[in-house]
């Protein structure tokens, strides 16, 4: 067998080909912002100094626009400049620059490099004007700003991506950058991002400061701006993720929380196109993702509009080379399956958002109520079957049957509960209809059945259970499950959070309910 060799030469066309991406403008800007974040100085990482990122979109002529991004990060030394501009190369810094392709892809996706200027502390400033293989001319600049360390990149728009009006910047750029980088814009070492729209043909400039856009929730068990699930870990071989999950406030709940309602164009305004869970990696939003796009629900539907959350990918989830897509590999599929099963088991993906009790979907309310009842009754059964009937009793506690009604309770609901009592052959002696609203016919039917058959059926308003249930849920269900999971992952860090069960039959004035209901 004869062996020989062939020569494979790098083609400069590759620098153009990497621009064939699915980037939108936010993702393109994100690559350049990521570069700046990844090049923070030690003082900026510890909060002693502040990383400042300035984005300038300029209309040079009627047909020509440019993008300039300037940051006061560490800069790129001459020694590392070749690595920084090579494909799949970086100048060092943090792991936010996962593939070393971002800056080159952003330039090619937008058009053509005008210049890359950079300066490190105590060194001259340098400029290059092209990305290519082989020898690249580097200019040493006599003067380049007053800062000790700086990087600035200017790109010519050849694909009409920068044809922006002030309104479009206000609605489609600034709020989404604020949401994408909310964690970096806050905290102990916050960065700043600003955007300027310059029209050199009219000598006008309009500026914006990017402010953090956060997710607001309404927790139906506490009435506070907080999620139902907070950073619950999910784990498998070689991967780790954390889920935060809750429901967006309604308009009235925004008022109750004293939080401004998101504008129609902002990321977390309630709408079919904006429902879902943010995918977080390296502390910034990779995707504003709909539930159906990641397989948590079969299809997008207005019934899911209030669902909000964050899925933080900590370990084992590689992105595509463009970083705007998480590879749907084995780890991803296993994680999504775990998350979906968990949400299904706790009835948190119940689509009937309009049929709820005290803000919770009916099935979720039943599930939480049954857990609370376990601290008050000896025997508690959820969805109990009766041999003579096809239906199921929502909750059975000792000898009491509970019917949970998520709409206005009527005489029909009372009759249904009556049939359950009759079918139990005396095992169930008392019935409770739980609802937040009762028709007059329901009370009339209660009196009729009591007078004719001597049956004990009572009407109970869910508001009577609200305070004791809230106290119970605040200390036990979701937070306890989350801490238990954290303890499994980090037994040396997680505190002992075992909640003490309520004393059987203990009653306080705050727990008491109306005279015609069971007392706790």
Protein backbone atom coordinates (compact mmCIF):
# COMPACT_ATOMS: atom_id res chain seq x y z
CA UNK A 1 0.00 0.00 0.00
CA UNK A 2 1.35 3.38 -1.00
CA UNK A 3 0.74 6.35 1.25
CA UNK A 4 0.89 9.96 0.21
CA UNK A 5 -0.34 13.27 1.62
CA UNK A 6 -2.59 16.05 0.50
CA UNK A 7 -2.51 19.69 1.49
CA UNK A 8 -5.62 21.33 2.96
CA UNK A 9 -5.44 25.08 2.95
CA UNK A 10 -7.63 27.40 4.99
CA UNK A 11 -9.84 29.53 2.77
CA UNK A 12 -10.68 33.08 3.75
CA UNK A 13 -14.20 32.40 2.51
CA UNK A 14 -14.76 30.53 5.78
CA UNK A 15 -14.94 33.90 7.57
CA UNK A 16 -17.93 34.74 5.40
CA UNK A 17 -19.53 31.31 5.66
CA UNK A 18 -19.70 31.43 9.47
CA UNK A 19 -22.10 34.36 9.03
CA UNK A 20 -24.76 32.06 7.57
CA UNK A 21 -26.64 31.83 10.83
CA UNK A 22 -30.19 32.19 12.09
CA UNK A 23 -29.20 35.21 14.17
CA UNK A 24 -31.67 37.95 14.84
CA UNK A 25 -30.37 41.36 15.92
CA UNK A 26 -30.57 40.60 19.65
CA UNK A 27 -28.51 37.43 19.21
CA UNK A 28 -25.99 39.24 17.02
CA UNK A 29 -25.57 42.01 19.60
CA UNK A 30 -25.44 39.32 22.26
CA UNK A 31 -22.32 37.77 20.76
CA UNK A 32 -20.48 41.09 21.00
CA UNK A 33 -21.81 41.76 24.52
CA UNK A 34 -20.72 38.25 25.56
CA UNK A 35 -17.21 39.06 24.31
CA UNK A 36 -17.09 42.11 26.54
CA UNK A 37 -18.45 40.23 29.57
CA UNK A 38 -15.92 37.46 29.03
CA UNK A 39 -13.09 40.02 29.02
CA UNK A 40 -13.87 41.73 32.34
CA UNK A 41 -10.92 42.75 34.48
CA UNK A 42 -10.43 41.37 37.99
CA UNK A 43 -11.62 44.70 39.38
CA UNK A 44 -14.78 44.50 37.27
CA UNK A 45 -15.45 40.92 38.36
CA UNK A 46 -15.28 41.95 42.03
CA UNK A 47 -17.33 45.13 41.62
CA UNK A 48 -14.48 47.56 42.25
CA UNK A 49 -14.89 48.85 38.69
CA UNK A 50 -17.84 48.68 36.32
CA UNK A 51 -17.85 47.14 32.87
CA UNK A 52 -19.45 49.60 30.46
CA UNK A 53 -20.69 48.45 27.06
CA UNK A 54 -21.72 51.07 24.51
CA UNK A 55 -23.62 50.10 21.37
CA UNK A 56 -23.84 52.68 18.59
CA UNK A 57 -25.92 52.18 15.45
CA UNK A 58 -25.11 54.85 12.89
CA UNK A 59 -26.82 55.90 9.68
CA UNK A 60 -23.83 57.19 7.70
CA UNK A 61 -25.64 57.78 4.41
CA UNK A 62 -29.09 56.97 3.10
CA UNK A 63 -27.93 53.44 2.24
CA UNK A 64 -25.03 52.87 4.63
CA UNK A 65 -25.25 51.88 8.32
CA UNK A 66 -22.62 50.76 10.80
CA UNK A 67 -22.54 49.12 14.19
CA UNK A 68 -19.91 50.07 16.77
CA UNK A 69 -19.59 48.28 20.11
CA UNK A 70 -17.16 49.67 22.68
CA UNK A 71 -16.30 48.20 26.08
CA UNK A 72 -13.81 49.02 28.81
CA UNK A 73 -12.93 45.39 29.49
CA UNK A 74 -9.39 44.09 29.75
CA UNK A 75 -8.70 44.44 26.02
CA UNK A 76 -6.75 42.02 23.83
CA UNK A 77 -2.98 41.93 24.00
CA UNK A 78 -0.92 41.80 20.82
CA UNK A 79 0.21 38.34 21.89
CA UNK A 80 -3.39 37.05 21.93
CA UNK A 81 -4.82 39.12 19.08
CA UNK A 82 -4.21 36.39 16.51
CA UNK A 83 -6.03 33.83 18.70
CA UNK A 84 -8.94 36.21 19.27
CA UNK A 85 -9.66 36.72 15.55
CA UNK A 86 -8.98 33.16 14.41
CA UNK A 87 -11.97 30.89 13.91
CA UNK A 88 -12.74 28.98 17.12
CA UNK A 89 -10.13 31.02 18.98
CA UNK A 90 -10.43 33.25 22.06
CA UNK A 91 -8.24 35.69 23.92
CA UNK A 92 -8.94 33.95 27.24
CA UNK A 93 -11.44 35.20 29.80
CA UNK A 94 -14.55 33.46 31.12
CA UNK A 95 -16.39 30.44 29.71
CA UNK A 96 -19.23 32.58 28.35
CA UNK A 97 -17.39 32.49 24.99
CA UNK A 98 -18.01 28.78 24.58
CA UNK A 99 -16.83 28.18 21.00
CA UNK A 100 -14.63 31.16 20.16
CA UNK A 101 -16.78 31.88 17.10
CA UNK A 102 -19.10 34.63 18.31
CA UNK A 103 -17.34 37.82 17.26
CA UNK A 104 -16.44 36.42 13.83
CA UNK A 105 -19.97 35.12 13.28
CA UNK A 106 -21.50 38.45 14.32
CA UNK A 107 -19.27 40.35 11.90
CA UNK A 108 -20.01 38.01 9.00
CA UNK A 109 -23.75 37.86 9.76
CA UNK A 110 -23.96 41.66 9.71
CA UNK A 111 -21.58 42.41 6.88
CA UNK A 112 -17.90 43.41 6.91
CA UNK A 113 -15.35 44.40 9.51
CA UNK A 114 -14.37 48.06 9.40
CA UNK A 115 -11.91 47.83 12.30
CA UNK A 116 -11.14 46.11 15.57
CA UNK A 117 -9.27 48.35 17.99
CA UNK A 118 -8.04 47.19 21.36
CA UNK A 119 -5.77 48.23 24.21
CA UNK A 120 -4.60 46.47 27.35
CA UNK A 121 -3.34 48.17 30.50
CA UNK A 122 0.14 49.65 30.05
CA UNK A 123 0.40 48.68 26.38
CA UNK A 124 -0.18 50.51 23.06
CA UNK A 125 -3.47 50.33 21.20
CA UNK A 126 -3.71 48.17 18.10
CA UNK A 127 -6.03 48.00 15.11
CA UNK A 128 -6.80 45.41 12.47
CA UNK A 129 -9.13 45.90 9.51
CA UNK A 130 -9.81 42.39 8.24
CA UNK A 131 -10.43 38.84 9.37
CA UNK A 132 -8.49 36.31 7.30
CA UNK A 133 -5.98 33.49 7.52
CA UNK A 134 -2.25 34.07 7.16
CA UNK A 135 -0.54 37.39 7.70
CA UNK A 136 -2.85 40.15 8.95
CA UNK A 137 -1.57 43.73 9.16
CA UNK A 138 -1.72 45.25 12.65
CA UNK A 139 -1.50 49.00 13.16
CA UNK A 140 -0.16 50.52 16.35
CA UNK A 141 -2.27 53.58 17.14
CA UNK A 142 -0.71 56.76 18.49
CA UNK A 143 -3.90 57.79 20.26
CA UNK A 144 -6.97 55.75 21.10
CA UNK A 145 -9.28 57.14 23.75
CA UNK A 146 -8.15 57.97 27.26
CA UNK A 147 -8.99 54.65 28.86
CA UNK A 148 -6.24 52.37 30.04
CA UNK A 149 -7.94 49.29 28.58
CA UNK A 150 -10.57 49.22 25.87
CA UNK A 151 -11.91 47.27 22.89
CA UNK A 152 -13.98 48.69 20.03
CA UNK A 153 -15.30 46.91 16.97
CA UNK A 154 -16.97 48.59 14.00
CA UNK A 155 -18.94 46.63 11.38
CA UNK A 156 -20.54 47.72 8.11
CA UNK A 157 -24.11 46.50 7.67
CA UNK A 158 -24.42 44.75 4.31
CA UNK A 159 -27.65 42.87 5.07
CA UNK A 160 -30.03 45.65 6.16
CA UNK A 161 -30.17 44.42 9.77
CA UNK A 162 -29.59 47.90 11.21
CA UNK A 163 -32.45 49.76 9.52
CA UNK A 164 -33.84 50.80 12.88
CA UNK A 165 -36.14 53.59 13.99
CA UNK A 166 -36.15 54.97 17.56
CA UNK A 167 -39.44 53.16 18.11
CA UNK A 168 -37.96 49.82 17.07
CA UNK A 169 -34.96 50.29 19.35
CA UNK A 170 -37.32 51.14 22.22
CA UNK A 171 -39.58 48.15 21.63
CA UNK A 172 -37.47 45.42 20.01
CA UNK A 173 -33.91 45.99 21.20
CA UNK A 174 -33.58 47.64 24.61
CA UNK A 175 -36.14 45.59 26.62
CA UNK A 176 -34.91 42.27 25.22
CA UNK A 177 -31.30 43.12 26.02
CA UNK A 178 -32.53 44.08 29.50
CA UNK A 179 -34.19 40.68 29.90
CA UNK A 180 -31.36 38.69 28.33
CA UNK A 181 -28.66 40.23 30.56
CA UNK A 182 -30.75 40.96 33.67
CA UNK A 183 -28.41 39.00 35.93
CA UNK A 184 -25.36 40.92 34.72
CA UNK A 185 -27.15 44.27 35.02
CA UNK A 186 -27.82 43.61 38.72
CA UNK A 187 -25.96 41.98 41.57
CA UNK A 188 -22.70 42.75 43.33
CA UNK A 189 -20.75 43.55 40.15
CA UNK A 190 -23.32 45.04 37.75
CA UNK A 191 -22.41 46.01 34.21
CA UNK A 192 -23.98 48.81 32.17
CA UNK A 193 -25.20 48.63 28.58
CA UNK A 194 -26.21 51.66 26.55
CA UNK A 195 -27.57 52.02 23.04
CA UNK A 196 -27.26 55.05 20.78
CA UNK A 197 -28.99 55.61 17.44
CA UNK A 198 -27.04 58.15 15.40
CA UNK A 199 -28.24 59.72 12.17
CA UNK A 200 -25.18 61.38 10.69
CA UNK A 201 -27.22 62.63 7.74
CA UNK A 202 -29.31 64.77 10.10
CA UNK A 203 -26.74 65.10 12.90
CA UNK A 204 -29.11 63.62 15.52
CA UNK A 205 -28.49 61.16 18.33
CA UNK A 206 -30.93 59.31 20.57
CA UNK A 207 -29.69 57.30 23.57
CA UNK A 208 -31.08 54.54 25.79
CA UNK A 209 -29.82 52.91 28.97
CA UNK A 210 -30.57 49.20 29.15
CA UNK A 211 -32.26 48.39 32.46
CA UNK A 212 -32.91 44.87 33.79
CA UNK A 213 -36.26 43.33 32.82
CA UNK A 214 -37.19 40.65 35.35
CA UNK A 215 -39.96 38.07 35.51
CA UNK A 216 -42.74 38.94 37.93
CA UNK A 217 -44.85 36.17 39.44
CA UNK A 218 -47.96 35.91 41.54
CA UNK A 219 -47.72 33.07 44.03
CA UNK A 220 -51.35 32.09 44.78
CA UNK A 221 -50.46 30.53 48.13
CA UNK A 222 -48.55 33.52 49.52
CA UNK A 223 -49.93 36.43 47.50
CA UNK A 224 -46.36 37.61 46.88
CA UNK A 225 -44.23 38.33 43.82
CA UNK A 226 -42.44 35.00 43.92
CA UNK A 227 -42.47 31.75 41.95
CA UNK A 228 -44.13 28.55 43.12
CA UNK A 229 -40.88 26.62 42.55
CA UNK A 230 -37.52 28.27 43.22
CA UNK A 231 -34.35 26.82 41.71
CA UNK A 232 -35.31 23.16 42.06
CA UNK A 233 -32.45 20.89 40.92
CA UNK A 234 -32.79 18.16 38.32
CA UNK A 235 -29.84 15.87 37.77
CA UNK A 236 -28.61 12.97 35.70
CA UNK A 237 -25.34 11.35 34.74
CA UNK A 238 -23.13 14.21 33.57
CA UNK A 239 -25.74 16.97 33.72
CA UNK A 240 -27.38 19.37 36.17
CA UNK A 241 -30.16 21.92 35.71
CA UNK A 242 -32.34 24.08 37.98
CA UNK A 243 -35.98 25.04 37.42
CA UNK A 244 -37.80 28.13 38.65
CA UNK A 245 -41.52 28.05 37.85
CA UNK A 246 -44.62 30.13 38.51
CA UNK A 247 -47.50 32.11 37.09
CA UNK A 248 -47.55 35.67 35.76
CA UNK A 249 -49.83 38.06 37.63
CA UNK A 250 -53.15 39.09 36.16
CA UNK A 251 -53.78 42.82 35.71
CA UNK A 252 -55.46 43.04 39.11
CA UNK A 253 -52.63 41.10 40.73
CA UNK A 254 -50.03 43.44 39.23
CA UNK A 255 -51.90 46.27 40.94
CA UNK A 256 -52.03 44.31 44.20
CA UNK A 257 -48.28 43.71 44.02
CA UNK A 258 -47.63 47.38 43.17
CA UNK A 259 -45.69 46.26 40.10
CA UNK A 260 -46.13 47.92 36.68
CA UNK A 261 -47.86 45.81 34.03
CA UNK A 262 -45.42 44.92 31.20
CA UNK A 263 -45.92 46.93 28.06
CA UNK A 264 -47.30 45.11 25.03
CA UNK A 265 -43.87 44.95 23.38
CA UNK A 266 -41.90 43.81 26.44
CA UNK A 267 -40.73 40.20 26.82
CA UNK A 268 -43.05 39.13 29.64
CA UNK A 269 -46.32 40.67 28.54
CA UNK A 270 -48.99 37.95 28.68
CA UNK A 271 -49.51 36.62 25.14
CA UNK A 272 -49.41 33.33 23.28
CA UNK A 273 -46.10 34.23 21.63
CA UNK A 274 -44.51 35.12 24.97
CA UNK A 275 -45.62 32.24 27.16
CA UNK A 276 -42.97 29.92 28.41
CA UNK A 277 -39.67 29.44 30.20
CA UNK A 278 -36.37 31.25 29.66
CA UNK A 279 -33.39 29.00 28.95
CA UNK A 280 -30.48 30.33 31.04
CA UNK A 281 -26.81 29.48 30.49
CA UNK A 282 -23.82 31.31 31.94
CA UNK A 283 -26.21 33.73 33.66
CA UNK A 284 -27.84 35.10 30.51
CA UNK A 285 -30.92 34.09 28.54
CA UNK A 286 -30.00 31.85 25.61
CA UNK A 287 -33.60 31.53 24.40
CA UNK A 288 -36.94 33.12 25.29
CA UNK A 289 -38.61 29.76 24.80
CA UNK A 290 -42.22 28.73 24.44
CA UNK A 291 -43.33 25.65 26.34
CA UNK A 292 -44.15 23.70 23.20
CA UNK A 293 -40.74 24.44 21.66
CA UNK A 294 -39.02 22.47 24.40
CA UNK A 295 -41.63 19.74 24.63
CA UNK A 296 -43.34 20.58 27.94
CA UNK A 297 -46.77 20.95 26.29
CA UNK A 298 -48.06 19.54 22.98
CA UNK A 299 -48.73 22.92 21.37
CA UNK A 300 -48.83 26.64 22.12
CA UNK A 301 -52.17 27.68 23.54
CA UNK A 302 -53.54 30.72 25.33
CA UNK A 303 -54.36 28.41 28.23
CA UNK A 304 -50.65 28.42 29.09
CA UNK A 305 -50.20 32.19 28.84
CA UNK A 306 -49.61 32.73 32.56
CA UNK A 307 -46.83 30.16 32.89
CA UNK A 308 -43.42 31.70 33.49
CA UNK A 309 -40.05 30.46 34.62
CA UNK A 310 -36.35 29.88 34.13
CA UNK A 311 -34.57 26.67 33.22
CA UNK A 312 -30.94 27.15 34.17
CA UNK A 313 -28.49 24.78 32.49
CA UNK A 314 -25.55 24.35 34.83
CA UNK A 315 -23.65 21.38 33.45
CA UNK A 316 -23.71 19.05 30.47
CA UNK A 317 -25.67 21.09 27.90
CA UNK A 318 -23.59 22.15 24.89
CA UNK A 319 -24.85 24.82 22.52
CA UNK A 320 -24.61 24.95 18.77
CA UNK A 321 -21.71 27.01 17.43
CA UNK A 322 -24.02 30.03 17.28
CA UNK A 323 -24.85 29.67 21.02
CA UNK A 324 -28.51 30.52 20.34
CA UNK A 325 -29.58 26.87 20.38
CA UNK A 326 -29.08 24.12 22.98
CA UNK A 327 -28.20 20.81 21.36
CA UNK A 328 -31.15 18.39 21.79
CA UNK A 329 -28.92 15.54 22.88
CA UNK A 330 -29.35 12.79 25.49
CA UNK A 331 -28.86 15.10 28.48
CA UNK A 332 -31.42 17.58 27.18
CA UNK A 333 -34.03 14.90 26.53
CA UNK A 334 -33.54 13.34 29.97
CA UNK A 335 -33.80 16.73 31.66
CA UNK A 336 -36.97 17.75 29.83
CA UNK A 337 -38.58 14.40 30.68
CA UNK A 338 -37.77 14.86 34.38
CA UNK A 339 -39.07 18.42 34.43
CA UNK A 340 -42.28 17.55 32.59
CA UNK A 341 -42.99 14.59 34.89
CA UNK A 342 -42.40 16.74 37.95
CA UNK A 343 -44.72 19.51 36.73
CA UNK A 344 -47.37 16.98 35.70
CA UNK A 345 -47.24 15.18 39.06
CA UNK A 346 -47.81 18.48 40.85
CA UNK A 347 -50.55 19.58 38.40
CA UNK A 348 -48.59 22.73 37.58
CA UNK A 349 -49.04 22.41 33.82
CA UNK A 350 -52.82 22.16 34.17
CA UNK A 351 -54.05 24.06 31.08
CA UNK A 352 -57.31 25.21 32.71
CA UNK A 353 -55.87 28.50 33.89
CA UNK A 354 -59.29 30.14 33.86
CA UNK A 355 -60.83 27.39 36.05
CA UNK A 356 -58.92 27.90 39.26
CA UNK A 357 -59.40 28.19 42.99
CA UNK A 358 -57.66 31.02 44.82
CA UNK A 359 -55.33 31.37 41.81
CA UNK A 360 -54.36 27.70 41.56
CA UNK A 361 -55.58 25.26 38.89
CA UNK A 362 -58.20 22.93 40.38
CA UNK A 363 -56.05 19.80 40.35
CA UNK A 364 -53.14 21.64 41.93
CA UNK A 365 -55.43 23.07 44.62
CA UNK A 366 -56.78 19.58 45.40
CA UNK A 367 -53.25 18.22 45.63
CA UNK A 368 -52.10 20.95 48.01
CA UNK A 369 -55.28 20.71 50.09
CA UNK A 370 -54.89 16.96 50.51
CA UNK A 371 -51.35 17.48 51.82
CA UNK A 372 -52.65 20.02 54.31
CA UNK A 373 -55.40 17.61 55.39
CA UNK A 374 -52.76 15.00 56.14
CA UNK A 375 -51.72 17.14 59.11
CA UNK A 376 -55.34 17.35 60.35
CA UNK A 377 -56.90 13.94 59.69
CA UNK A 378 -55.78 10.39 60.26
CA UNK A 379 -56.82 9.06 56.83
CA UNK A 380 -56.66 11.16 53.66
CA UNK A 381 -57.38 9.86 50.15
CA UNK A 382 -57.18 11.90 46.94
CA UNK A 383 -59.58 11.01 44.08
CA UNK A 384 -61.23 8.21 46.02
CA UNK A 385 -63.22 5.64 44.04
CA UNK A 386 -66.63 4.32 45.14
CA UNK A 387 -67.61 0.92 43.84
CA UNK A 388 -71.16 1.85 42.89
CA UNK A 389 -70.25 5.06 41.00
CA UNK A 390 -68.02 5.77 38.04
CA UNK A 391 -66.97 9.12 39.42
CA UNK A 392 -64.40 9.82 42.14
CA UNK A 393 -64.64 11.82 45.34
CA UNK A 394 -62.12 14.66 45.19
CA UNK A 395 -60.83 14.09 48.72
CA UNK A 396 -61.90 11.75 51.52
CA UNK A 397 -60.73 12.52 55.07
CA UNK A 398 -61.74 9.94 57.67
CA UNK A 399 -65.55 9.94 57.24
CA UNK A 400 -65.87 13.22 55.31
CA UNK A 401 -66.27 13.56 51.53
CA UNK A 402 -64.99 16.77 49.95
CA UNK A 403 -66.13 18.10 46.56
CA UNK A 404 -63.94 20.88 45.13
CA UNK A 405 -65.82 23.18 42.73
CA UNK A 406 -63.81 25.68 40.65
CA UNK A 407 -66.85 27.57 39.41
CA UNK A 408 -70.05 28.72 41.11
CA UNK A 409 -71.43 25.79 43.13
CA UNK A 410 -75.08 24.95 42.39
CA UNK A 411 -77.70 22.41 43.51
CA UNK A 412 -76.24 19.97 40.96
CA UNK A 413 -72.94 19.90 42.87
CA UNK A 414 -74.79 19.26 46.14
CA UNK A 415 -76.70 16.39 44.56
CA UNK A 416 -73.46 14.90 43.21
CA UNK A 417 -71.96 14.94 46.69
CA UNK A 418 -75.18 13.42 48.05
CA UNK A 419 -74.81 10.51 45.62
CA UNK A 420 -71.27 9.90 46.88
CA UNK A 421 -72.51 9.71 50.49
CA UNK A 422 -75.25 7.28 49.55
CA UNK A 423 -72.85 5.09 47.57
CA UNK A 424 -70.46 4.80 50.52
CA UNK A 425 -72.90 2.61 52.50
CA UNK A 426 -72.51 4.70 55.62
CA UNK A 427 -68.70 4.93 55.54
CA UNK A 428 -68.95 8.63 54.69
CA UNK A 429 -71.25 10.48 57.05
CA UNK A 430 -70.54 14.10 56.14
CA UNK A 431 -70.11 16.01 52.87
CA UNK A 432 -68.34 19.33 52.26
CA UNK A 433 -68.77 21.36 49.07
CA UNK A 434 -65.76 23.67 48.66
CA UNK A 435 -66.13 26.71 46.41
CA UNK A 436 -65.52 30.45 46.39
CA UNK A 437 -69.06 31.16 45.14
CA UNK A 438 -72.41 29.51 45.87
CA UNK A 439 -75.71 29.86 44.03
CA UNK A 440 -78.83 30.18 46.17
CA UNK A 441 -79.98 26.83 44.80
CA UNK A 442 -77.07 25.07 46.49
CA UNK A 443 -78.18 26.18 49.96
CA UNK A 444 -81.80 25.27 49.18
CA UNK A 445 -80.73 21.77 48.15
CA UNK A 446 -78.69 21.35 51.35
CA UNK A 447 -81.77 22.16 53.47
CA UNK A 448 -84.01 19.89 51.37
CA UNK A 449 -81.68 16.87 51.65
CA UNK A 450 -81.14 17.45 55.34
CA UNK A 451 -84.90 17.65 56.04
CA UNK A 452 -85.87 14.67 53.89
CA UNK A 453 -82.93 12.27 54.37
CA UNK A 454 -81.12 13.62 57.43
CA UNK A 455 -77.90 13.83 55.44
CA UNK A 456 -75.15 16.17 56.69
CA UNK A 457 -73.91 18.24 53.73
CA UNK A 458 -72.27 21.61 54.31
CA UNK A 459 -71.11 24.48 52.12
CA UNK A 460 -67.64 25.83 52.79
CA UNK A 461 -66.06 28.87 51.19
CA UNK A 462 -62.46 28.36 50.13
CA UNK A 463 -61.64 31.74 51.69
CA UNK A 464 -62.22 30.15 55.11
CA UNK A 465 -59.32 27.80 54.42
CA UNK A 466 -57.09 30.40 52.77
CA UNK A 467 -55.03 31.52 55.78
CA UNK A 468 -54.30 28.11 57.33
CA UNK A 469 -53.59 26.67 53.88
CA UNK A 470 -51.23 29.54 53.02
CA UNK A 471 -49.32 29.09 56.26
CA UNK A 472 -48.99 25.39 55.59
CA UNK A 473 -47.91 25.78 51.95
CA UNK A 474 -45.43 28.52 52.76
CA UNK A 475 -43.52 26.12 55.03
CA UNK A 476 -44.04 22.73 53.47
CA UNK A 477 -44.93 21.68 49.96
CA UNK A 478 -42.79 23.11 47.17
CA UNK A 479 -40.04 24.70 49.22
CA UNK A 480 -39.59 21.54 51.25
CA UNK A 481 -39.38 19.41 48.10
CA UNK A 482 -36.86 21.82 46.63
CA UNK A 483 -34.69 21.76 49.74
CA UNK A 484 -34.91 17.99 49.93
CA UNK A 485 -33.64 17.77 46.36
CA UNK A 486 -30.86 20.25 47.13
CA UNK A 487 -29.88 18.21 50.17
CA UNK A 488 -29.59 15.14 47.95
CA UNK A 489 -27.20 17.03 45.67
CA UNK A 490 -25.33 19.01 48.33
CA UNK A 491 -25.76 17.25 51.71
CA UNK A 492 -22.92 19.27 53.23
CA UNK A 493 -24.56 22.61 52.33
CA UNK A 494 -28.28 22.08 52.74
CA UNK A 495 -29.65 22.87 56.22
CA UNK A 496 -32.09 20.62 58.03
CA UNK A 497 -35.46 21.90 56.81
CA UNK A 498 -37.69 19.11 58.06
CA UNK A 499 -40.98 20.83 58.81
CA UNK A 500 -42.73 19.82 62.01
CA UNK A 501 -46.21 18.42 61.39
CA UNK A 502 -49.09 20.27 62.95
CA UNK A 503 -50.47 18.77 66.12
CA UNK A 504 -53.47 16.59 65.36
CA UNK A 505 -56.66 18.55 65.88
CA UNK A 506 -54.91 21.72 67.07
CA UNK A 507 -57.08 24.79 66.53
CA UNK A 508 -56.40 28.52 66.70
CA UNK A 509 -58.72 31.46 66.29
CA UNK A 510 -57.20 32.21 62.90
CA UNK A 511 -57.85 28.66 61.76
CA UNK A 512 -61.53 28.62 62.67
CA UNK A 513 -64.19 28.66 59.97
CA UNK A 514 -67.88 29.41 59.84
CA UNK A 515 -70.32 27.65 62.17
CA UNK A 516 -71.58 25.33 59.44
CA UNK A 517 -68.22 23.86 58.43
CA UNK A 518 -65.57 21.51 59.75
CA UNK A 519 -63.22 23.26 62.16
CA UNK A 520 -59.45 22.91 62.12
